[in-house]
Amino acid sequence: MKSKVGSTVLDHLVVAARTLEEGAAYIERMLGVAMSPGGQHPQMGTHNRLLNLGGGVYLEVLAIDPQGIPPDRPRWFGLDSPALQQRLEAGPALIHWVARTDDIHRVLQRVPRLGRVHRMHRGDLSWDITIPDDGNLLEGGLIPSLICWGETPHPTTRLPDVGCQLVGLYGVHPEPRQVSRMLAELGLEGVLELREGEQVRLEAWIEAPKGRWVLR
């Protein structure tokens, strides 16, 4: 699941939910494994739980933290958008993916549409991540955010191996060539397999102890 450019690779998948409990229960019911604790994101008023997918990749269930302080800007990953909130009324959904780079500012110069670099922290972890000023996802979530962990140990080094592995990441878009061009600028050719379709959609195929499952 790595790209052809060694310094830019798939980092993690983002599943959003109305509540963290609902999202974790959905993943555990589907894949048959328990998720690991995550923590709070004070700058965004969100919290998460995590699942190791092997190969330095993980899955994040993310929700607005009812105990958190609302930020003075739109939350990341479009969580404040009415369209996404309405979508989540039907259940948790795979909404986005994040790519890891070792030089986030250099890549951002090539693709400024990704937004600005923000410093984030959760517990003793800290990282830089790109967030558009309006908080929304690019191309319906098919263009990843960029993350740089710097000297912070990657979360997967702390997550147990639960026998899950990401075996495919797929996207549907009305103009897949447009998305492919942006991914090429990011050095991520071949990470997301694209096909044409009217409705934008992201799919992840995961091999789990209960068999192979598709997250959408």
C-alpha atoms as a PDB file:
ATOM      1  CA  MET A   1       0.000   0.000   0.000  1.00  0.00           C
ATOM      2  CA  LYS A   2       2.970   2.341  -0.260  1.00  0.00           C
ATOM      3  CA  SER A   3       3.428   4.874  -3.012  1.00  0.00           C
ATOM      4  CA  LYS A   4       6.262   4.877  -5.509  1.00  0.00           C
ATOM      5  CA  VAL A   5       7.873   7.790  -3.690  1.00  0.00           C
ATOM      6  CA  GLY A   6       9.466   6.604  -0.467  1.00  0.00           C
ATOM      7  CA  SER A   7       8.930   9.855   1.458  1.00  0.00           C
ATOM      8  CA  THR A   8       5.159  10.003   0.867  1.00  0.00           C
ATOM      9  CA  VAL A   9       3.068   7.005   1.924  1.00  0.00           C
ATOM     10  CA  LEU A  10      -0.362   6.064   3.162  1.00  0.00           C
ATOM     11  CA  ASP A  11      -0.584   6.795   6.887  1.00  0.00           C
ATOM     12  CA  HIS A  12      -4.133   6.139   8.052  1.00  0.00           C
ATOM     13  CA  LEU A  13      -7.834   5.948   7.217  1.00  0.00           C
ATOM     14  CA  VAL A  14     -10.486   8.139   8.835  1.00  0.00           C
ATOM     15  CA  VAL A  15     -13.896   6.729   9.778  1.00  0.00           C
ATOM     16  CA  ALA A  16     -16.235   9.405  11.150  1.00  0.00           C
ATOM     17  CA  ALA A  17     -19.159   8.753  13.468  1.00  0.00           C
ATOM     18  CA  ARG A  18     -21.795  10.662  15.413  1.00  0.00           C
ATOM     19  CA  THR A  19     -20.242   9.377  18.642  1.00  0.00           C
ATOM     20  CA  LEU A  20     -16.986   7.616  19.369  1.00  0.00           C
ATOM     21  CA  GLU A  21     -18.828   4.717  20.972  1.00  0.00           C
ATOM     22  CA  GLU A  22     -20.999   4.216  17.895  1.00  0.00           C
ATOM     23  CA  GLY A  23     -17.986   4.303  15.574  1.00  0.00           C
ATOM     24  CA  ALA A  24     -15.907   1.874  17.621  1.00  0.00           C
ATOM     25  CA  ALA A  25     -18.825  -0.547  17.959  1.00  0.00           C
ATOM     26  CA  TYR A  26     -19.344  -0.470  14.183  1.00  0.00           C
ATOM     27  CA  ILE A  27     -15.695  -1.339  13.445  1.00  0.00           C
ATOM     28  CA  GLU A  28     -15.545  -4.009  16.143  1.00  0.00           C
ATOM     29  CA  ARG A  29     -18.769  -5.594  14.913  1.00  0.00           C
ATOM     30  CA  MET A  30     -17.633  -5.621  11.296  1.00  0.00           C
ATOM     31  CA  LEU A  31     -14.013  -6.721  11.711  1.00  0.00           C
ATOM     32  CA  GLY A  32     -14.376  -8.790  14.863  1.00  0.00           C
ATOM     33  CA  VAL A  33     -11.547  -7.088  16.780  1.00  0.00           C
ATOM     34  CA  ALA A  34     -11.375  -4.545  19.580  1.00  0.00           C
ATOM     35  CA  MET A  35     -10.124  -1.031  18.909  1.00  0.00           C
ATOM     36  CA  SER A  36      -7.362   0.560  20.977  1.00  0.00           C
ATOM     37  CA  PRO A  37      -7.841   3.714  23.030  1.00  0.00           C
ATOM     38  CA  GLY A  38      -6.878   6.980  21.381  1.00  0.00           C
ATOM     39  CA  GLY A  39      -7.416  10.319  23.032  1.00  0.00           C
ATOM     40  CA  GLN A  40      -8.584  13.900  22.688  1.00  0.00           C
ATOM     41  CA  HIS A  41      -7.572  16.544  20.154  1.00  0.00           C
ATOM     42  CA  PRO A  42      -7.873  19.784  22.163  1.00  0.00           C
ATOM     43  CA  GLN A  43      -7.385  22.069  19.140  1.00  0.00           C
ATOM     44  CA  MET A  44     -10.240  20.476  17.202  1.00  0.00           C
ATOM     45  CA  GLY A  45     -12.671  19.377  19.914  1.00  0.00           C
ATOM     46  CA  THR A  46     -12.583  15.771  18.708  1.00  0.00           C
ATOM     47  CA  HIS A  47     -11.466  12.393  20.037  1.00  0.00           C
ATOM     48  CA  ASN A  48     -10.588   9.026  18.514  1.00  0.00           C
ATOM     49  CA  ARG A  49      -9.890   5.321  18.793  1.00  0.00           C
ATOM     50  CA  LEU A  50      -7.378   3.373  16.698  1.00  0.00           C
ATOM     51  CA  LEU A  51      -6.846   0.037  14.968  1.00  0.00           C
ATOM     52  CA  ASN A  52      -3.592  -1.326  13.545  1.00  0.00           C
ATOM     53  CA  LEU A  53      -3.854  -2.343   9.871  1.00  0.00           C
ATOM     54  CA  GLY A  54      -0.242  -3.507   9.520  1.00  0.00           C
ATOM     55  CA  GLY A  55       2.620  -2.105   7.465  1.00  0.00           C
ATOM     56  CA  GLY A  56       2.693   1.217   9.297  1.00  0.00           C
ATOM     57  CA  VAL A  57      -0.975   1.949   8.481  1.00  0.00           C
ATOM     58  CA  TYR A  58      -3.850   2.343  10.937  1.00  0.00           C
ATOM     59  CA  LEU A  59      -7.556   3.118  11.042  1.00  0.00           C
ATOM     60  CA  GLU A  60      -8.904   5.999  13.089  1.00  0.00           C
ATOM     61  CA  VAL A  61     -12.485   6.339  14.292  1.00  0.00           C
ATOM     62  CA  LEU A  62     -13.103  10.045  14.842  1.00  0.00           C
ATOM     63  CA  ALA A  63     -16.001  11.935  16.405  1.00  0.00           C
ATOM     64  CA  ILE A  64     -16.773  15.317  17.905  1.00  0.00           C
ATOM     65  CA  ASP A  65     -15.933  15.191  21.615  1.00  0.00           C
ATOM     66  CA  PRO A  66     -18.979  16.248  23.671  1.00  0.00           C
ATOM     67  CA  GLN A  67     -16.606  17.195  26.498  1.00  0.00           C
ATOM     68  CA  GLY A  68     -14.256  19.145  24.219  1.00  0.00           C
ATOM     69  CA  ILE A  69     -14.126  22.881  23.659  1.00  0.00           C
ATOM     70  CA  PRO A  70     -15.392  23.865  20.186  1.00  0.00           C
ATOM     71  CA  PRO A  71     -12.551  25.398  18.149  1.00  0.00           C
ATOM     72  CA  ASP A  72     -12.649  28.963  16.836  1.00  0.00           C
ATOM     73  CA  ARG A  73     -12.409  27.585  13.288  1.00  0.00           C
ATOM     74  CA  PRO A  74     -14.081  24.775  11.321  1.00  0.00           C
ATOM     75  CA  ARG A  75     -13.072  21.324  12.556  1.00  0.00           C
ATOM     76  CA  TRP A  76     -10.916  19.124  10.376  1.00  0.00           C
ATOM     77  CA  PHE A  77     -12.207  16.512   7.918  1.00  0.00           C
ATOM     78  CA  GLY A  78     -15.458  18.408   7.336  1.00  0.00           C
ATOM     79  CA  LEU A  79     -16.959  17.277  10.646  1.00  0.00           C
ATOM     80  CA  ASP A  80     -18.897  20.536  10.998  1.00  0.00           C
ATOM     81  CA  SER A  81     -20.500  20.374   7.558  1.00  0.00           C
ATOM     82  CA  PRO A  82     -24.267  19.729   7.570  1.00  0.00           C
ATOM     83  CA  ALA A  83     -23.862  17.311   4.654  1.00  0.00           C
ATOM     84  CA  LEU A  84     -21.465  15.072   6.577  1.00  0.00           C
ATOM     85  CA  GLN A  85     -23.479  15.270   9.769  1.00  0.00           C
ATOM     86  CA  GLN A  86     -26.552  14.176   7.834  1.00  0.00           C
ATOM     87  CA  ARG A  87     -24.584  11.322   6.262  1.00  0.00           C
ATOM     88  CA  LEU A  88     -23.480  10.099   9.678  1.00  0.00           C
ATOM     89  CA  GLU A  89     -27.114   9.883  10.808  1.00  0.00           C
ATOM     90  CA  ALA A  90     -27.195   6.689   8.712  1.00  0.00           C
ATOM     91  CA  GLY A  91     -24.141   5.294  10.513  1.00  0.00           C
ATOM     92  CA  PRO A  92     -20.332   5.600  10.652  1.00  0.00           C
ATOM     93  CA  ALA A  93     -18.608   6.167   7.318  1.00  0.00           C
ATOM     94  CA  LEU A  94     -15.135   6.038   5.782  1.00  0.00           C
ATOM     95  CA  ILE A  95     -14.668   9.674   4.795  1.00  0.00           C
ATOM     96  CA  HIS A  96     -10.971  10.289   4.209  1.00  0.00           C
ATOM     97  CA  TRP A  97      -7.383   9.096   4.171  1.00  0.00           C
ATOM     98  CA  VAL A  98      -4.160  10.726   5.327  1.00  0.00           C
ATOM     99  CA  ALA A  99      -0.714  10.472   3.736  1.00  0.00           C
ATOM    100  CA  ARG A 100       2.557  10.664   5.637  1.00  0.00           C
ATOM    101  CA  THR A 101       5.482  12.759   4.403  1.00  0.00           C
ATOM    102  CA  ASP A 102       8.868  13.687   5.815  1.00  0.00           C
ATOM    103  CA  ASP A 103       8.797  17.219   4.320  1.00  0.00           C
ATOM    104  CA  ILE A 104       5.268  18.575   4.616  1.00  0.00           C
ATOM    105  CA  HIS A 105       6.144  22.167   3.692  1.00  0.00           C
ATOM    106  CA  ARG A 106       7.912  21.162   0.476  1.00  0.00           C
ATOM    107  CA  VAL A 107       4.968  19.073  -0.667  1.00  0.00           C
ATOM    108  CA  LEU A 108       2.510  21.814   0.283  1.00  0.00           C
ATOM    109  CA  GLN A 109       4.345  24.250  -1.983  1.00  0.00           C
ATOM    110  CA  ARG A 110       3.490  21.977  -4.914  1.00  0.00           C
ATOM    111  CA  VAL A 111      -0.154  21.502  -3.883  1.00  0.00           C
ATOM    112  CA  PRO A 112      -1.243  24.581  -1.901  1.00  0.00           C
ATOM    113  CA  ARG A 113      -4.919  23.525  -2.161  1.00  0.00           C
ATOM    114  CA  LEU A 114      -4.295  21.210   0.780  1.00  0.00           C
ATOM    115  CA  GLY A 115      -4.541  24.190   3.114  1.00  0.00           C
ATOM    116  CA  ARG A 116      -2.187  25.250   5.871  1.00  0.00           C
ATOM    117  CA  VAL A 117       0.068  23.307   8.207  1.00  0.00           C
ATOM    118  CA  HIS A 118      -1.242  23.100  11.775  1.00  0.00           C
ATOM    119  CA  ARG A 119       0.579  21.771  14.818  1.00  0.00           C
ATOM    120  CA  MET A 120      -1.517  19.229  16.698  1.00  0.00           C
ATOM    121  CA  HIS A 121      -1.153  17.069  19.778  1.00  0.00           C
ATOM    122  CA  ARG A 122      -2.916  14.216  21.532  1.00  0.00           C
ATOM    123  CA  GLY A 123      -1.495  13.179  24.883  1.00  0.00           C
ATOM    124  CA  ASP A 124       2.263  12.862  24.414  1.00  0.00           C
ATOM    125  CA  LEU A 125       2.010  12.670  20.609  1.00  0.00           C
ATOM    126  CA  SER A 126       2.500  15.706  18.374  1.00  0.00           C
ATOM    127  CA  TRP A 127       2.434  16.172  14.612  1.00  0.00           C
ATOM    128  CA  ASP A 128       1.944  18.612  11.743  1.00  0.00           C
ATOM    129  CA  ILE A 129      -1.067  18.221   9.448  1.00  0.00           C
ATOM    130  CA  THR A 130      -2.601  20.133   6.549  1.00  0.00           C
ATOM    131  CA  ILE A 131      -6.126  21.500   7.003  1.00  0.00           C
ATOM    132  CA  PRO A 132      -8.012  23.720   4.516  1.00  0.00           C
ATOM    133  CA  ASP A 133      -9.230  26.960   6.067  1.00  0.00           C
ATOM    134  CA  ASP A 134     -12.868  25.919   5.592  1.00  0.00           C
ATOM    135  CA  GLY A 135     -12.169  22.489   7.119  1.00  0.00           C
ATOM    136  CA  ASN A 136     -13.729  20.659   4.183  1.00  0.00           C
ATOM    137  CA  LEU A 137     -12.375  17.602   2.385  1.00  0.00           C
ATOM    138  CA  LEU A 138     -10.871  17.945  -1.086  1.00  0.00           C
ATOM    139  CA  GLU A 139     -12.626  16.034  -3.872  1.00  0.00           C
ATOM    140  CA  GLY A 140     -14.983  14.444  -1.387  1.00  0.00           C
ATOM    141  CA  GLY A 141     -12.147  13.022   0.718  1.00  0.00           C
ATOM    142  CA  LEU A 142     -10.237  11.331  -2.135  1.00  0.00           C
ATOM    143  CA  ILE A 143      -7.337  13.803  -1.918  1.00  0.00           C
ATOM    144  CA  PRO A 144      -5.554  13.071   1.368  1.00  0.00           C
ATOM    145  CA  SER A 145      -4.477  15.411   4.081  1.00  0.00           C
ATOM    146  CA  LEU A 146      -0.721  15.389   4.705  1.00  0.00           C
ATOM    147  CA  ILE A 147       0.767  14.509   8.080  1.00  0.00           C
ATOM    148  CA  CYS A 148       4.324  14.684   9.381  1.00  0.00           C
ATOM    149  CA  TRP A 149       5.127  12.966  12.664  1.00  0.00           C
ATOM    150  CA  GLY A 150       8.660  14.350  12.944  1.00  0.00           C
ATOM    151  CA  GLU A 151      10.398  12.909  15.983  1.00  0.00           C
ATOM    152  CA  THR A 152       7.177  11.535  17.486  1.00  0.00           C
ATOM    153  CA  PRO A 153       6.942   7.711  17.367  1.00  0.00           C
ATOM    154  CA  HIS A 154       4.332   6.604  14.866  1.00  0.00           C
ATOM    155  CA  PRO A 155       1.061   5.476  16.507  1.00  0.00           C
ATOM    156  CA  THR A 156       1.365   1.985  15.011  1.00  0.00           C
ATOM    157  CA  THR A 157       4.429   1.352  17.182  1.00  0.00           C
ATOM    158  CA  ARG A 158       2.051   1.379  20.166  1.00  0.00           C
ATOM    159  CA  LEU A 159      -0.862  -0.510  18.648  1.00  0.00           C
ATOM    160  CA  PRO A 160      -1.244  -4.277  19.039  1.00  0.00           C
ATOM    161  CA  ASP A 161      -1.322  -6.536  15.992  1.00  0.00           C
ATOM    162  CA  VAL A 162      -4.959  -7.684  15.831  1.00  0.00           C
ATOM    163  CA  GLY A 163      -4.696  -9.604  12.573  1.00  0.00           C
ATOM    164  CA  CYS A 164      -6.120  -6.916  10.283  1.00  0.00           C
ATOM    165  CA  GLN A 165      -4.530  -5.745   7.052  1.00  0.00           C
ATOM    166  CA  LEU A 166      -5.517  -3.168   4.457  1.00  0.00           C
ATOM    167  CA  VAL A 167      -5.469  -4.911   1.073  1.00  0.00           C
ATOM    168  CA  GLY A 168      -6.993  -2.256  -1.181  1.00  0.00           C
ATOM    169  CA  LEU A 169      -7.993   1.402  -1.263  1.00  0.00           C
ATOM    170  CA  TYR A 170     -10.426   2.517  -3.964  1.00  0.00           C
ATOM    171  CA  GLY A 171     -12.090   5.752  -5.010  1.00  0.00           C
ATOM    172  CA  VAL A 172     -15.016   6.661  -7.257  1.00  0.00           C
ATOM    173  CA  HIS A 173     -15.187  10.136  -8.831  1.00  0.00           C
ATOM    174  CA  PRO A 174     -16.916  11.766 -11.825  1.00  0.00           C
ATOM    175  CA  GLU A 175     -13.511  12.914 -13.120  1.00  0.00           C
ATOM    176  CA  PRO A 176     -10.952  10.365 -11.907  1.00  0.00           C
ATOM    177  CA  ARG A 177      -8.168  11.797 -14.085  1.00  0.00           C
ATOM    178  CA  GLN A 178      -8.421  15.067 -12.192  1.00  0.00           C
ATOM    179  CA  VAL A 179      -7.909  13.239  -8.901  1.00  0.00           C
ATOM    180  CA  SER A 180      -5.073  11.170 -10.376  1.00  0.00           C
ATOM    181  CA  ARG A 181      -3.212  14.323 -11.405  1.00  0.00           C
ATOM    182  CA  MET A 182      -3.342  15.719  -7.882  1.00  0.00           C
ATOM    183  CA  LEU A 183      -2.222  12.417  -6.393  1.00  0.00           C
ATOM    184  CA  ALA A 184       0.716  12.366  -8.809  1.00  0.00           C
ATOM    185  CA  GLU A 185       1.717  15.853  -7.631  1.00  0.00           C
ATOM    186  CA  LEU A 186       1.725  14.471  -4.092  1.00  0.00           C
ATOM    187  CA  GLY A 187       3.874  11.486  -5.071  1.00  0.00           C
ATOM    188  CA  LEU A 188       1.021   9.073  -4.380  1.00  0.00           C
ATOM    189  CA  GLU A 189       0.530   7.351  -7.715  1.00  0.00           C
ATOM    190  CA  GLY A 190      -0.924   3.901  -7.323  1.00  0.00           C
ATOM    191  CA  VAL A 191      -2.007   4.222  -3.691  1.00  0.00           C
ATOM    192  CA  LEU A 192      -5.668   4.907  -4.507  1.00  0.00           C
ATOM    193  CA  GLU A 193      -7.221   2.924  -7.353  1.00  0.00           C
ATOM    194  CA  LEU A 194      -9.752   5.165  -9.108  1.00  0.00           C
ATOM    195  CA  ARG A 195     -12.752   4.524 -11.299  1.00  0.00           C
ATOM    196  CA  GLU A 196     -15.422   6.757 -12.797  1.00  0.00           C
ATOM    197  CA  GLY A 197     -18.826   7.185 -11.202  1.00  0.00           C
ATOM    198  CA  GLU A 198     -21.381   9.890 -10.486  1.00  0.00           C
ATOM    199  CA  GLN A 199     -21.165   9.740  -6.697  1.00  0.00           C
ATOM    200  CA  VAL A 200     -17.828  10.312  -4.956  1.00  0.00           C
ATOM    201  CA  ARG A 201     -16.967   7.378  -2.715  1.00  0.00           C
ATOM    202  CA  LEU A 202     -13.977   5.987  -0.824  1.00  0.00           C
ATOM    203  CA  GLU A 203     -13.672   2.261  -0.118  1.00  0.00           C
ATOM    204  CA  ALA A 204     -11.158   0.274   1.924  1.00  0.00           C
ATOM    205  CA  TRP A 205     -10.862  -3.501   1.658  1.00  0.00           C
ATOM    206  CA  ILE A 206      -9.617  -5.000   4.910  1.00  0.00           C
ATOM    207  CA  GLU A 207      -8.609  -8.572   5.653  1.00  0.00           C
ATOM    208  CA  ALA A 208      -9.665  -9.379   9.211  1.00  0.00           C
ATOM    209  CA  PRO A 209     -10.043 -12.478  11.397  1.00  0.00           C
ATOM    210  CA  LYS A 210     -13.713 -12.630  10.296  1.00  0.00           C
ATOM    211  CA  GLY A 211     -12.782 -12.481   6.590  1.00  0.00           C
ATOM    212  CA  ARG A 212     -12.482  -9.708   4.025  1.00  0.00           C
ATOM    213  CA  TRP A 213     -14.683  -6.652   4.551  1.00  0.00           C
ATOM    214  CA  VAL A 214     -15.310  -3.388   2.715  1.00  0.00           C
ATOM    215  CA  LEU A 215     -15.533  -0.092   4.571  1.00  0.00           C
ATOM    216  CA  ARG A 216     -17.364   2.765   2.862  1.00  0.00           C
END
